[in-house]
Amino acid sequence: MSHFNAILAPAGRLKLAQCLARWIKRNVELGAAGMQYLPSRQLRCAHSSAVRTEHRVVGLRTPRRLGPAKIAYDLHLNISTGHRILHCYHCPRLRFTILQPWRGSGRNESAAMDPLGPVK
């Protein structure tokens, strides 16, 4: 008795015959060009979000600085879907987009002032 997953077991022989049948069919249909390697990886994901929806999510994030939960609520999406779209479009986390008043504006306003002070 051979192992269940062995190539020469009945199930293994069936898999081998099906694989050979596919190669023979490709050879008959396409000739020598059919013997080239063709990847079986899909070119697009069938359950991905529509491009318009992705652009709407990113469009709400940029000017209004909304989080994924609020964006998902506004667009009637799942929260994880909104978060995943933001992640795929490399949007920064919300804490990095909010202006922090304690850090200042980044400008040194004292350098632009007249060294003698205001003139009256």
PDB file of N, CA and C in Angstrom:
ATOM      1  N   MET A   1       0.855  -1.180   0.000  1.00  0.00           N
ATOM      2  CA  MET A   1       0.000   0.000   0.000  1.00  0.00           C
ATOM      3  C   MET A   1       0.895   1.235   0.000  1.00  0.00           C
ATOM      4  N   SER A   2       0.674   2.140  -0.934  1.00  0.00           N
ATOM      5  CA  SER A   2       1.468   3.362  -1.027  1.00  0.00           C
ATOM      6  C   SER A   2       0.808   4.475  -0.209  1.00  0.00           C
ATOM      7  N   HIS A   3       1.573   5.523  -0.013  1.00  0.00           N
ATOM      8  CA  HIS A   3       1.069   6.677   0.720  1.00  0.00           C
ATOM      9  C   HIS A   3      -0.041   7.340  -0.088  1.00  0.00           C
ATOM     10  N   PHE A   4      -1.020   7.946   0.599  1.00  0.00           N
ATOM     11  CA  PHE A   4      -2.191   8.511  -0.066  1.00  0.00           C
ATOM     12  C   PHE A   4      -1.804   9.611  -1.053  1.00  0.00           C
ATOM     13  N   ASN A   5      -0.818  10.469  -0.684  1.00  0.00           N
ATOM     14  CA  ASN A   5      -0.450  11.595  -1.549  1.00  0.00           C
ATOM     15  C   ASN A   5       0.679  11.262  -2.529  1.00  0.00           C
ATOM     16  N   ALA A   6       1.091  10.020  -2.607  1.00  0.00           N
ATOM     17  CA  ALA A   6       2.180   9.643  -3.508  1.00  0.00           C
ATOM     18  C   ALA A   6       1.735   9.801  -4.964  1.00  0.00           C
ATOM     19  N   ILE A   7       2.710  10.083  -5.823  1.00  0.00           N
ATOM     20  CA  ILE A   7       2.403  10.298  -7.243  1.00  0.00           C
ATOM     21  C   ILE A   7       1.812   9.043  -7.877  1.00  0.00           C
ATOM     22  N   LEU A   8       2.276   7.862  -7.466  1.00  0.00           N
ATOM     23  CA  LEU A   8       1.795   6.634  -8.094  1.00  0.00           C
ATOM     24  C   LEU A   8       0.556   6.060  -7.432  1.00  0.00           C
ATOM     25  N   ALA A   9       0.047   6.722  -6.407  1.00  0.00           N
ATOM     26  CA  ALA A   9      -1.236   6.302  -5.818  1.00  0.00           C
ATOM     27  C   ALA A   9      -2.346   6.687  -6.799  1.00  0.00           C
ATOM     28  N   PRO A  10      -3.510   6.111  -6.675  1.00  0.00           N
ATOM     29  CA  PRO A  10      -4.589   6.442  -7.624  1.00  0.00           C
ATOM     30  C   PRO A  10      -4.906   7.938  -7.690  1.00  0.00           C
ATOM     31  N   ALA A  11      -4.932   8.609  -6.549  1.00  0.00           N
ATOM     32  CA  ALA A  11      -5.224  10.052  -6.559  1.00  0.00           C
ATOM     33  C   ALA A  11      -4.088  10.819  -7.236  1.00  0.00           C
ATOM     34  N   GLY A  12      -2.851  10.395  -6.989  1.00  0.00           N
ATOM     35  CA  GLY A  12      -1.700  11.041  -7.618  1.00  0.00           C
ATOM     36  C   GLY A  12      -1.682  10.847  -9.114  1.00  0.00           C
ATOM     37  N   ARG A  13      -2.034   9.648  -9.560  1.00  0.00           N
ATOM     38  CA  ARG A  13      -2.085   9.385 -10.997  1.00  0.00           C
ATOM     39  C   ARG A  13      -3.156  10.219 -11.683  1.00  0.00           C
ATOM     40  N   LEU A  14      -4.275  10.409 -10.991  1.00  0.00           N
ATOM     41  CA  LEU A  14      -5.346  11.241 -11.554  1.00  0.00           C
ATOM     42  C   LEU A  14      -4.876  12.696 -11.717  1.00  0.00           C
ATOM     43  N   LYS A  15      -4.189  13.231 -10.694  1.00  0.00           N
ATOM     44  CA  LYS A  15      -3.665  14.602 -10.779  1.00  0.00           C
ATOM     45  C   LYS A  15      -2.657  14.724 -11.919  1.00  0.00           C
ATOM     46  N   LEU A  16      -1.784  13.734 -12.046  1.00  0.00           N
ATOM     47  CA  LEU A  16      -0.780  13.751 -13.099  1.00  0.00           C
ATOM     48  C   LEU A  16      -1.440  13.695 -14.477  1.00  0.00           C
ATOM     49  N   ALA A  17      -2.472  12.883 -14.625  1.00  0.00           N
ATOM     50  CA  ALA A  17      -3.172  12.776 -15.908  1.00  0.00           C
ATOM     51  C   ALA A  17      -3.887  14.086 -16.255  1.00  0.00           C
ATOM     52  N   GLN A  18      -4.476  14.736 -15.253  1.00  0.00           N
ATOM     53  CA  GLN A  18      -5.151  16.014 -15.507  1.00  0.00           C
ATOM     54  C   GLN A  18      -4.149  17.080 -15.926  1.00  0.00           C
ATOM     55  N   CYS A  19      -2.993  17.095 -15.269  1.00  0.00           N
ATOM     56  CA  CYS A  19      -1.950  18.065 -15.614  1.00  0.00           C
ATOM     57  C   CYS A  19      -1.446  17.804 -17.037  1.00  0.00           C
ATOM     58  N   LEU A  20      -1.208  16.560 -17.351  1.00  0.00           N
ATOM     59  CA  LEU A  20      -0.750  16.222 -18.702  1.00  0.00           C
ATOM     60  C   LEU A  20      -1.805  16.551 -19.741  1.00  0.00           C
ATOM     61  N   ALA A  21      -3.068  16.348 -19.400  1.00  0.00           N
ATOM     62  CA  ALA A  21      -4.136  16.657 -20.345  1.00  0.00           C
ATOM     63  C   ALA A  21      -4.155  18.147 -20.665  1.00  0.00           C
ATOM     64  N   ARG A  22      -3.909  18.995 -19.637  1.00  0.00           N
ATOM     65  CA  ARG A  22      -3.852  20.435 -19.885  1.00  0.00           C
ATOM     66  C   ARG A  22      -2.697  20.806 -20.809  1.00  0.00           C
ATOM     67  N   TRP A  23      -1.521  20.199 -20.580  1.00  0.00           N
ATOM     68  CA  TRP A  23      -0.359  20.483 -21.426  1.00  0.00           C
ATOM     69  C   TRP A  23      -0.586  20.000 -22.858  1.00  0.00           C
ATOM     70  N   ILE A  24      -1.202  18.825 -23.008  1.00  0.00           N
ATOM     71  CA  ILE A  24      -1.483  18.295 -24.351  1.00  0.00           C
ATOM     72  C   ILE A  24      -2.474  19.192 -25.079  1.00  0.00           C
ATOM     73  N   LYS A  25      -3.483  19.665 -24.357  1.00  0.00           N
ATOM     74  CA  LYS A  25      -4.475  20.558 -24.959  1.00  0.00           C
ATOM     75  C   LYS A  25      -3.813  21.859 -25.418  1.00  0.00           C
ATOM     76  N   ARG A  26      -2.925  22.415 -24.584  1.00  0.00           N
ATOM     77  CA  ARG A  26      -2.217  23.641 -24.958  1.00  0.00           C
ATOM     78  C   ARG A  26      -1.309  23.406 -26.166  1.00  0.00           C
ATOM     79  N   ASN A  27      -0.688  22.229 -26.224  1.00  0.00           N
ATOM     80  CA  ASN A  27       0.193  21.910 -27.353  1.00  0.00           C
ATOM     81  C   ASN A  27      -0.615  21.806 -28.640  1.00  0.00           C
ATOM     82  N   VAL A  28      -1.778  21.195 -28.581  1.00  0.00           N
ATOM     83  CA  VAL A  28      -2.608  21.045 -29.773  1.00  0.00           C
ATOM     84  C   VAL A  28      -3.117  22.412 -30.238  1.00  0.00           C
ATOM     85  N   GLU A  29      -3.558  23.263 -29.286  1.00  0.00           N
ATOM     86  CA  GLU A  29      -4.140  24.555 -29.648  1.00  0.00           C
ATOM     87  C   GLU A  29      -3.092  25.571 -30.094  1.00  0.00           C
ATOM     88  N   LEU A  30      -1.973  25.668 -29.353  1.00  0.00           N
ATOM     89  CA  LEU A  30      -1.013  26.751 -29.579  1.00  0.00           C
ATOM     90  C   LEU A  30       0.298  26.297 -30.201  1.00  0.00           C
ATOM     91  N   GLY A  31       0.534  25.021 -30.293  1.00  0.00           N
ATOM     92  CA  GLY A  31       1.779  24.516 -30.856  1.00  0.00           C
ATOM     93  C   GLY A  31       2.947  24.715 -29.899  1.00  0.00           C
ATOM     94  N   ALA A  32       4.115  25.030 -30.459  1.00  0.00           N
ATOM     95  CA  ALA A  32       5.322  25.191 -29.632  1.00  0.00           C
ATOM     96  C   ALA A  32       5.204  26.389 -28.695  1.00  0.00           C
ATOM     97  N   ALA A  33       4.461  27.427 -29.092  1.00  0.00           N
ATOM     98  CA  ALA A  33       4.293  28.600 -28.231  1.00  0.00           C
ATOM     99  C   ALA A  33       3.497  28.254 -26.973  1.00  0.00           C
ATOM    100  N   GLY A  34       2.681  27.221 -27.034  1.00  0.00           N
ATOM    101  CA  GLY A  34       1.893  26.818 -25.871  1.00  0.00           C
ATOM    102  C   GLY A  34       2.696  26.131 -24.791  1.00  0.00           C
ATOM    103  N   MET A  35       3.923  25.759 -25.117  1.00  0.00           N
ATOM    104  CA  MET A  35       4.765  25.086 -24.130  1.00  0.00           C
ATOM    105  C   MET A  35       5.509  26.064 -23.220  1.00  0.00           C
ATOM    106  N   GLN A  36       5.400  27.357 -23.500  1.00  0.00           N
ATOM    107  CA  GLN A  36       6.027  28.360 -22.641  1.00  0.00           C
ATOM    108  C   GLN A  36       5.298  28.416 -21.309  1.00  0.00           C
ATOM    109  N   TYR A  37       6.012  28.913 -20.309  1.00  0.00           N
ATOM    110  CA  TYR A  37       5.438  29.020 -18.968  1.00  0.00           C
ATOM    111  C   TYR A  37       4.410  30.141 -18.945  1.00  0.00           C
ATOM    112  N   LEU A  38       3.220  29.853 -18.508  1.00  0.00           N
ATOM    113  CA  LEU A  38       2.174  30.845 -18.326  1.00  0.00           C
ATOM    114  C   LEU A  38       1.808  30.881 -16.844  1.00  0.00           C
ATOM    115  N   PRO A  39       2.050  31.993 -16.165  1.00  0.00           N
ATOM    116  CA  PRO A  39       1.738  32.045 -14.744  1.00  0.00           C
ATOM    117  C   PRO A  39       0.237  31.954 -14.516  1.00  0.00           C
ATOM    118  N   SER A  40      -0.141  31.323 -13.443  1.00  0.00           N
ATOM    119  CA  SER A  40      -1.556  31.173 -13.129  1.00  0.00           C
ATOM    120  C   SER A  40      -2.043  32.264 -12.184  1.00  0.00           C
ATOM    121  N   ARG A  41      -1.163  33.200 -11.852  1.00  0.00           N
ATOM    122  CA  ARG A  41      -1.532  34.287 -10.955  1.00  0.00           C
ATOM    123  C   ARG A  41      -2.518  35.210 -11.657  1.00  0.00           C
ATOM    124  N   GLN A  42      -3.540  35.653 -10.922  1.00  0.00           N
ATOM    125  CA  GLN A  42      -4.537  36.533 -11.505  1.00  0.00           C
ATOM    126  C   GLN A  42      -3.942  37.911 -11.752  1.00  0.00           C
ATOM    127  N   LEU A  43      -4.434  38.576 -12.771  1.00  0.00           N
ATOM    128  CA  LEU A  43      -3.949  39.912 -13.093  1.00  0.00           C
ATOM    129  C   LEU A  43      -4.628  40.989 -12.268  1.00  0.00           C
ATOM    130  N   ARG A  44      -5.818  40.734 -11.782  1.00  0.00           N
ATOM    131  CA  ARG A  44      -6.496  41.691 -10.916  1.00  0.00           C
ATOM    132  C   ARG A  44      -7.314  40.939  -9.885  1.00  0.00           C
ATOM    133  N   CYS A  45      -7.594  41.619  -8.803  1.00  0.00           N
ATOM    134  CA  CYS A  45      -8.352  41.019  -7.714  1.00  0.00           C
ATOM    135  C   CYS A  45      -9.837  41.272  -7.966  1.00  0.00           C
ATOM    136  N   ALA A  46     -10.621  40.226  -7.983  1.00  0.00           N
ATOM    137  CA  ALA A  46     -12.035  40.356  -8.315  1.00  0.00           C
ATOM    138  C   ALA A  46     -12.831  41.054  -7.219  1.00  0.00           C
ATOM    139  N   HIS A  47     -12.388  40.973  -5.972  1.00  0.00           N
ATOM    140  CA  HIS A  47     -13.144  41.570  -4.872  1.00  0.00           C
ATOM    141  C   HIS A  47     -12.528  42.862  -4.356  1.00  0.00           C
ATOM    142  N   SER A  48     -11.710  43.522  -5.178  1.00  0.00           N
ATOM    143  CA  SER A  48     -11.098  44.784  -4.750  1.00  0.00           C
ATOM    144  C   SER A  48     -12.121  45.913  -4.863  1.00  0.00           C
ATOM    145  N   SER A  49     -11.837  46.995  -4.163  1.00  0.00           N
ATOM    146  CA  SER A  49     -12.729  48.153  -4.190  1.00  0.00           C
ATOM    147  C   SER A  49     -12.620  48.855  -5.545  1.00  0.00           C
ATOM    148  N   ALA A  50     -13.685  49.517  -5.904  1.00  0.00           N
ATOM    149  CA  ALA A  50     -13.679  50.265  -7.159  1.00  0.00           C
ATOM    150  C   ALA A  50     -12.722  51.454  -7.040  1.00  0.00           C
ATOM    151  N   VAL A  51     -12.144  51.849  -8.147  1.00  0.00           N
ATOM    152  CA  VAL A  51     -11.183  52.954  -8.144  1.00  0.00           C
ATOM    153  C   VAL A  51     -11.857  54.242  -7.688  1.00  0.00           C
ATOM    154  N   ARG A  52     -13.098  54.427  -8.080  1.00  0.00           N
ATOM    155  CA  ARG A  52     -13.839  55.628  -7.677  1.00  0.00           C
ATOM    156  C   ARG A  52     -13.995  55.671  -6.161  1.00  0.00           C
ATOM    157  N   THR A  53     -14.299  54.523  -5.541  1.00  0.00           N
ATOM    158  CA  THR A  53     -14.430  54.469  -4.085  1.00  0.00           C
ATOM    159  C   THR A  53     -13.102  54.770  -3.417  1.00  0.00           C
ATOM    160  N   GLU A  54     -12.016  54.228  -3.960  1.00  0.00           N
ATOM    161  CA  GLU A  54     -10.698  54.495  -3.382  1.00  0.00           C
ATOM    162  C   GLU A  54     -10.365  55.978  -3.452  1.00  0.00           C
ATOM    163  N   HIS A  55     -10.678  56.621  -4.568  1.00  0.00           N
ATOM    164  CA  HIS A  55     -10.394  58.044  -4.707  1.00  0.00           C
ATOM    165  C   HIS A  55     -11.268  58.873  -3.770  1.00  0.00           C
ATOM    166  N   ARG A  56     -12.495  58.437  -3.530  1.00  0.00           N
ATOM    167  CA  ARG A  56     -13.357  59.148  -2.593  1.00  0.00           C
ATOM    168  C   ARG A  56     -12.820  59.047  -1.170  1.00  0.00           C
ATOM    169  N   VAL A  57     -12.286  57.881  -0.791  1.00  0.00           N
ATOM    170  CA  VAL A  57     -11.715  57.703   0.551  1.00  0.00           C
ATOM    171  C   VAL A  57     -10.513  58.625   0.722  1.00  0.00           C
ATOM    172  N   VAL A  58      -9.609  58.627  -0.247  1.00  0.00           N
ATOM    173  CA  VAL A  58      -8.419  59.472  -0.160  1.00  0.00           C
ATOM    174  C   VAL A  58      -8.814  60.949  -0.224  1.00  0.00           C
ATOM    175  N   GLY A  59      -9.834  61.261  -1.007  1.00  0.00           N
ATOM    176  CA  GLY A  59     -10.302  62.636  -1.113  1.00  0.00           C
ATOM    177  C   GLY A  59     -10.896  63.158   0.180  1.00  0.00           C
ATOM    178  N   LEU A  60     -11.529  62.304   0.963  1.00  0.00           N
ATOM    179  CA  LEU A  60     -12.049  62.734   2.259  1.00  0.00           C
ATOM    180  C   LEU A  60     -10.936  62.862   3.288  1.00  0.00           C
ATOM    181  N   ARG A  61      -9.903  62.065   3.159  1.00  0.00           N
ATOM    182  CA  ARG A  61      -8.818  62.087   4.139  1.00  0.00           C
ATOM    183  C   ARG A  61      -7.990  63.359   4.025  1.00  0.00           C
ATOM    184  N   THR A  62      -7.711  63.784   2.818  1.00  0.00           N
ATOM    185  CA  THR A  62      -6.753  64.870   2.613  1.00  0.00           C
ATOM    186  C   THR A  62      -7.266  66.225   3.117  1.00  0.00           C
ATOM    187  N   PRO A  63      -8.393  66.751   2.622  1.00  0.00           N
ATOM    188  CA  PRO A  63      -8.748  68.096   3.074  1.00  0.00           C
ATOM    189  C   PRO A  63      -9.421  68.139   4.442  1.00  0.00           C
ATOM    190  N   ARG A  64     -10.198  67.120   4.776  1.00  0.00           N
ATOM    191  CA  ARG A  64     -10.986  67.181   6.009  1.00  0.00           C
ATOM    192  C   ARG A  64     -10.309  66.497   7.185  1.00  0.00           C
ATOM    193  N   ARG A  65      -9.214  65.768   6.937  1.00  0.00           N
ATOM    194  CA  ARG A  65      -8.448  65.076   7.976  1.00  0.00           C
ATOM    195  C   ARG A  65      -9.345  64.175   8.828  1.00  0.00           C
ATOM    196  N   LEU A  66     -10.061  63.293   8.144  1.00  0.00           N
ATOM    197  CA  LEU A  66     -10.938  62.338   8.829  1.00  0.00           C
ATOM    198  C   LEU A  66     -10.213  61.019   9.003  1.00  0.00           C
ATOM    199  N   GLY A  67     -10.571  60.303  10.054  1.00  0.00           N
ATOM    200  CA  GLY A  67     -10.012  58.983  10.293  1.00  0.00           C
ATOM    201  C   GLY A  67     -10.738  57.926   9.481  1.00  0.00           C
ATOM    202  N   PRO A  68     -10.216  56.698   9.478  1.00  0.00           N
ATOM    203  CA  PRO A  68     -10.844  55.652   8.676  1.00  0.00           C
ATOM    204  C   PRO A  68     -12.255  55.304   9.120  1.00  0.00           C
ATOM    205  N   ALA A  69     -12.537  55.427  10.425  1.00  0.00           N
ATOM    206  CA  ALA A  69     -13.878  55.095  10.908  1.00  0.00           C
ATOM    207  C   ALA A  69     -14.908  56.095  10.399  1.00  0.00           C
ATOM    208  N   LYS A  70     -14.594  57.377  10.454  1.00  0.00           N
ATOM    209  CA  LYS A  70     -15.528  58.409   9.996  1.00  0.00           C
ATOM    210  C   LYS A  70     -15.691  58.364   8.474  1.00  0.00           C
ATOM    211  N   ILE A  71     -14.596  58.116   7.763  1.00  0.00           N
ATOM    212  CA  ILE A  71     -14.675  57.998   6.304  1.00  0.00           C
ATOM    213  C   ILE A  71     -15.547  56.810   5.919  1.00  0.00           C
ATOM    214  N   ALA A  72     -15.344  55.688   6.596  1.00  0.00           N
ATOM    215  CA  ALA A  72     -16.137  54.491   6.299  1.00  0.00           C
ATOM    216  C   ALA A  72     -17.613  54.728   6.595  1.00  0.00           C
ATOM    217  N   TYR A  73     -17.900  55.457   7.662  1.00  0.00           N
ATOM    218  CA  TYR A  73     -19.295  55.764   7.997  1.00  0.00           C
ATOM    219  C   TYR A  73     -19.918  56.649   6.924  1.00  0.00           C
ATOM    220  N   ASP A  74     -19.181  57.656   6.477  1.00  0.00           N
ATOM    221  CA  ASP A  74     -19.710  58.578   5.473  1.00  0.00           C
ATOM    222  C   ASP A  74     -19.948  57.895   4.130  1.00  0.00           C
ATOM    223  N   LEU A  75     -19.095  56.939   3.765  1.00  0.00           N
ATOM    224  CA  LEU A  75     -19.210  56.279   2.459  1.00  0.00           C
ATOM    225  C   LEU A  75     -19.897  54.921   2.527  1.00  0.00           C
ATOM    226  N   HIS A  76     -20.399  54.552   3.684  1.00  0.00           N
ATOM    227  CA  HIS A  76     -21.094  53.268   3.893  1.00  0.00           C
ATOM    228  C   HIS A  76     -20.181  52.083   3.553  1.00  0.00           C
ATOM    229  N   LEU A  77     -18.964  52.126   4.097  1.00  0.00           N
ATOM    230  CA  LEU A  77     -17.995  51.048   3.916  1.00  0.00           C
ATOM    231  C   LEU A  77     -17.697  50.408   5.261  1.00  0.00           C
ATOM    232  N   ASN A  78     -16.999  49.301   5.225  1.00  0.00           N
ATOM    233  CA  ASN A  78     -16.483  48.698   6.441  1.00  0.00           C
ATOM    234  C   ASN A  78     -15.257  49.491   6.879  1.00  0.00           C
ATOM    235  N   ILE A  79     -15.038  49.599   8.194  1.00  0.00           N
ATOM    236  CA  ILE A  79     -13.912  50.379   8.707  1.00  0.00           C
ATOM    237  C   ILE A  79     -12.589  49.795   8.210  1.00  0.00           C
ATOM    238  N   SER A  80     -12.490  48.471   8.213  1.00  0.00           N
ATOM    239  CA  SER A  80     -11.240  47.852   7.764  1.00  0.00           C
ATOM    240  C   SER A  80     -10.976  48.132   6.281  1.00  0.00           C
ATOM    241  N   THR A  81     -12.035  48.266   5.488  1.00  0.00           N
ATOM    242  CA  THR A  81     -11.862  48.593   4.078  1.00  0.00           C
ATOM    243  C   THR A  81     -11.305  50.002   3.917  1.00  0.00           C
ATOM    244  N   GLY A  82     -11.859  50.947   4.672  1.00  0.00           N
ATOM    245  CA  GLY A  82     -11.342  52.317   4.620  1.00  0.00           C
ATOM    246  C   GLY A  82      -9.903  52.392   5.066  1.00  0.00           C
ATOM    247  N   HIS A  83      -9.557  51.660   6.125  1.00  0.00           N
ATOM    248  CA  HIS A  83      -8.179  51.658   6.617  1.00  0.00           C
ATOM    249  C   HIS A  83      -7.244  51.039   5.595  1.00  0.00           C
ATOM    250  N   ARG A  84      -7.669  49.963   4.951  1.00  0.00           N
ATOM    251  CA  ARG A  84      -6.824  49.282   3.979  1.00  0.00           C
ATOM    252  C   ARG A  84      -6.579  50.157   2.747  1.00  0.00           C
ATOM    253  N   ILE A  85      -7.597  50.890   2.313  1.00  0.00           N
ATOM    254  CA  ILE A  85      -7.423  51.789   1.170  1.00  0.00           C
ATOM    255  C   ILE A  85      -6.432  52.884   1.521  1.00  0.00           C
ATOM    256  N   LEU A  86      -6.557  53.464   2.713  1.00  0.00           N
ATOM    257  CA  LEU A  86      -5.621  54.500   3.132  1.00  0.00           C
ATOM    258  C   LEU A  86      -4.201  53.950   3.209  1.00  0.00           C
ATOM    259  N   HIS A  87      -4.075  52.728   3.669  1.00  0.00           N
ATOM    260  CA  HIS A  87      -2.750  52.106   3.768  1.00  0.00           C
ATOM    261  C   HIS A  87      -2.166  51.857   2.374  1.00  0.00           C
ATOM    262  N   CYS A  88      -2.977  51.384   1.441  1.00  0.00           N
ATOM    263  CA  CYS A  88      -2.493  51.092   0.092  1.00  0.00           C
ATOM    264  C   CYS A  88      -2.076  52.363  -0.646  1.00  0.00           C
ATOM    265  N   TYR A  89      -2.734  53.488  -0.354  1.00  0.00           N
ATOM    266  CA  TYR A  89      -2.393  54.745  -1.001  1.00  0.00           C
ATOM    267  C   TYR A  89      -1.325  55.513  -0.213  1.00  0.00           C
ATOM    268  N   HIS A  90      -0.725  54.885   0.775  1.00  0.00           N
ATOM    269  CA  HIS A  90       0.360  55.452   1.580  1.00  0.00           C
ATOM    270  C   HIS A  90      -0.025  56.773   2.242  1.00  0.00           C
ATOM    271  N   CYS A  91      -1.270  56.863   2.709  1.00  0.00           N
ATOM    272  CA  CYS A  91      -1.687  58.056   3.443  1.00  0.00           C
ATOM    273  C   CYS A  91      -1.087  57.978   4.848  1.00  0.00           C
ATOM    274  N   PRO A  92      -0.568  59.088   5.360  1.00  0.00           N
ATOM    275  CA  PRO A  92       0.010  59.041   6.708  1.00  0.00           C
ATOM    276  C   PRO A  92      -1.076  58.866   7.757  1.00  0.00           C
ATOM    277  N   ARG A  93      -0.667  58.414   8.912  1.00  0.00           N
ATOM    278  CA  ARG A  93      -1.624  58.261  10.005  1.00  0.00           C
ATOM    279  C   ARG A  93      -2.185  59.622  10.383  1.00  0.00           C
ATOM    280  N   LEU A  94      -3.353  59.617  10.990  1.00  0.00           N
ATOM    281  CA  LEU A  94      -4.045  60.855  11.294  1.00  0.00           C
ATOM    282  C   LEU A  94      -3.245  61.727  12.256  1.00  0.00           C
ATOM    283  N   ARG A  95      -2.530  61.138  13.181  1.00  0.00           N
ATOM    284  CA  ARG A  95      -1.782  61.931  14.162  1.00  0.00           C
ATOM    285  C   ARG A  95      -0.628  62.692  13.511  1.00  0.00           C
ATOM    286  N   PHE A  96      -0.197  62.253  12.342  1.00  0.00           N
ATOM    287  CA  PHE A  96       0.865  62.963  11.648  1.00  0.00           C
ATOM    288  C   PHE A  96       0.339  64.036  10.702  1.00  0.00           C
ATOM    289  N   THR A  97      -0.975  64.103  10.503  1.00  0.00           N
ATOM    290  CA  THR A  97      -1.540  65.096   9.601  1.00  0.00           C
ATOM    291  C   THR A  97      -2.153  66.272  10.345  1.00  0.00           C
ATOM    292  N   ILE A  98      -2.420  66.135  11.626  1.00  0.00           N
ATOM    293  CA  ILE A  98      -3.044  67.209  12.386  1.00  0.00           C
ATOM    294  C   ILE A  98      -1.973  68.214  12.790  1.00  0.00           C
ATOM    295  N   LEU A  99      -2.263  69.496  12.596  1.00  0.00           N
ATOM    296  CA  LEU A  99      -1.319  70.525  12.987  1.00  0.00           C
ATOM    297  C   LEU A  99      -1.230  70.573  14.504  1.00  0.00           C
ATOM    298  N   GLN A 100      -0.027  70.634  15.016  1.00  0.00           N
ATOM    299  CA  GLN A 100       0.185  70.629  16.459  1.00  0.00           C
ATOM    300  C   GLN A 100       0.594  72.031  16.889  1.00  0.00           C
ATOM    301  N   PRO A 101      -0.287  72.747  17.592  1.00  0.00           N
ATOM    302  CA  PRO A 101      -0.021  74.150  17.885  1.00  0.00           C
ATOM    303  C   PRO A 101       1.169  74.361  18.823  1.00  0.00           C
ATOM    304  N   TRP A 102       1.501  73.388  19.643  1.00  0.00           N
ATOM    305  CA  TRP A 102       2.609  73.585  20.580  1.00  0.00           C
ATOM    306  C   TRP A 102       3.971  73.525  19.892  1.00  0.00           C
ATOM    307  N   ARG A 103       4.003  73.088  18.642  1.00  0.00           N
ATOM    308  CA  ARG A 103       5.273  73.034  17.927  1.00  0.00           C
ATOM    309  C   ARG A 103       5.551  74.312  17.146  1.00  0.00           C
ATOM    310  N   GLY A 104       4.597  75.206  17.064  1.00  0.00           N
ATOM    311  CA  GLY A 104       4.798  76.456  16.341  1.00  0.00           C
ATOM    312  C   GLY A 104       4.645  76.267  14.851  1.00  0.00           C
ATOM    313  N   SER A 105       4.831  77.352  14.130  1.00  0.00           N
ATOM    314  CA  SER A 105       4.639  77.303  12.689  1.00  0.00           C
ATOM    315  C   SER A 105       5.915  76.919  11.956  1.00  0.00           C
ATOM    316  N   GLY A 106       7.041  76.882  12.660  1.00  0.00           N
ATOM    317  CA  GLY A 106       8.298  76.537  12.024  1.00  0.00           C
ATOM    318  C   GLY A 106       9.045  77.740  11.496  1.00  0.00           C
ATOM    319  N   ARG A 107       8.457  78.932  11.620  1.00  0.00           N
ATOM    320  CA  ARG A 107       9.116  80.140  11.142  1.00  0.00           C
ATOM    321  C   ARG A 107       9.744  80.878  12.315  1.00  0.00           C
ATOM    322  N   ASN A 108      10.855  81.468  12.076  1.00  0.00           N
ATOM    323  CA  ASN A 108      11.500  82.273  13.095  1.00  0.00           C
ATOM    324  C   ASN A 108      11.139  83.727  12.813  1.00  0.00           C
ATOM    325  N   GLU A 109      10.134  84.228  13.510  1.00  0.00           N
ATOM    326  CA  GLU A 109       9.642  85.564  13.223  1.00  0.00           C
ATOM    327  C   GLU A 109      10.512  86.640  13.837  1.00  0.00           C
ATOM    328  N   SER A 110      11.320  86.309  14.851  1.00  0.00           N
ATOM    329  CA  SER A 110      12.161  87.327  15.466  1.00  0.00           C
ATOM    330  C   SER A 110      13.299  87.740  14.535  1.00  0.00           C
ATOM    331  N   ALA A 111      13.709  86.879  13.622  1.00  0.00           N
ATOM    332  CA  ALA A 111      14.784  87.217  12.690  1.00  0.00           C
ATOM    333  C   ALA A 111      14.320  88.223  11.656  1.00  0.00           C
ATOM    334  N   ALA A 112      13.053  88.232  11.343  1.00  0.00           N
ATOM    335  CA  ALA A 112      12.530  89.151  10.340  1.00  0.00           C
ATOM    336  C   ALA A 112      12.252  90.531  10.918  1.00  0.00           C
ATOM    337  N   MET A 113      12.242  90.644  12.227  1.00  0.00           N
ATOM    338  CA  MET A 113      11.947  91.935  12.858  1.00  0.00           C
ATOM    339  C   MET A 113      13.164  92.855  12.796  1.00  0.00           C
ATOM    340  N   ASP A 114      12.905  94.139  12.878  1.00  0.00           N
ATOM    341  CA  ASP A 114      13.968  95.142  12.885  1.00  0.00           C
ATOM    342  C   ASP A 114      14.745  95.034  14.197  1.00  0.00           C
ATOM    343  N   PRO A 115      16.081  95.013  14.172  1.00  0.00           N
ATOM    344  CA  PRO A 115      16.835  94.857  15.421  1.00  0.00           C
ATOM    345  C   PRO A 115      16.660  96.038  16.398  1.00  0.00           C
ATOM    346  N   LEU A 116      16.220  97.192  15.891  1.00  0.00           N
ATOM    347  CA  LEU A 116      16.030  98.346  16.785  1.00  0.00           C
ATOM    348  C   LEU A 116      14.657  98.342  17.430  1.00  0.00           C
ATOM    349  N   GLY A 117      13.820  97.423  17.014  1.00  0.00           N
ATOM    350  CA  GLY A 117      12.477  97.351  17.584  1.00  0.00           C
ATOM    351  C   GLY A 117      11.505  98.154  16.741  1.00  0.00           C
ATOM    352  N   PRO A 118      10.250  98.186  17.166  1.00  0.00           N
ATOM    353  CA  PRO A 118       9.236  98.908  16.386  1.00  0.00           C
ATOM    354  C   PRO A 118       9.445 100.415  16.501  1.00  0.00           C
ATOM    355  N   VAL A 119       9.213 101.103  15.409  1.00  0.00           N
ATOM    356  CA  VAL A 119       9.346 102.555  15.359  1.00  0.00           C
ATOM    357  C   VAL A 119       8.005 103.178  15.630  1.00  0.00           C
ATOM    358  N   LYS A 120       7.997 104.164  16.548  1.00  0.00           N
ATOM    359  CA  LYS A 120       6.721 104.828  16.891  1.00  0.00           C
ATOM    360  C   LYS A 120       6.578 106.134  16.225  1.00  0.00           C
TER     361      LYS A 120
END
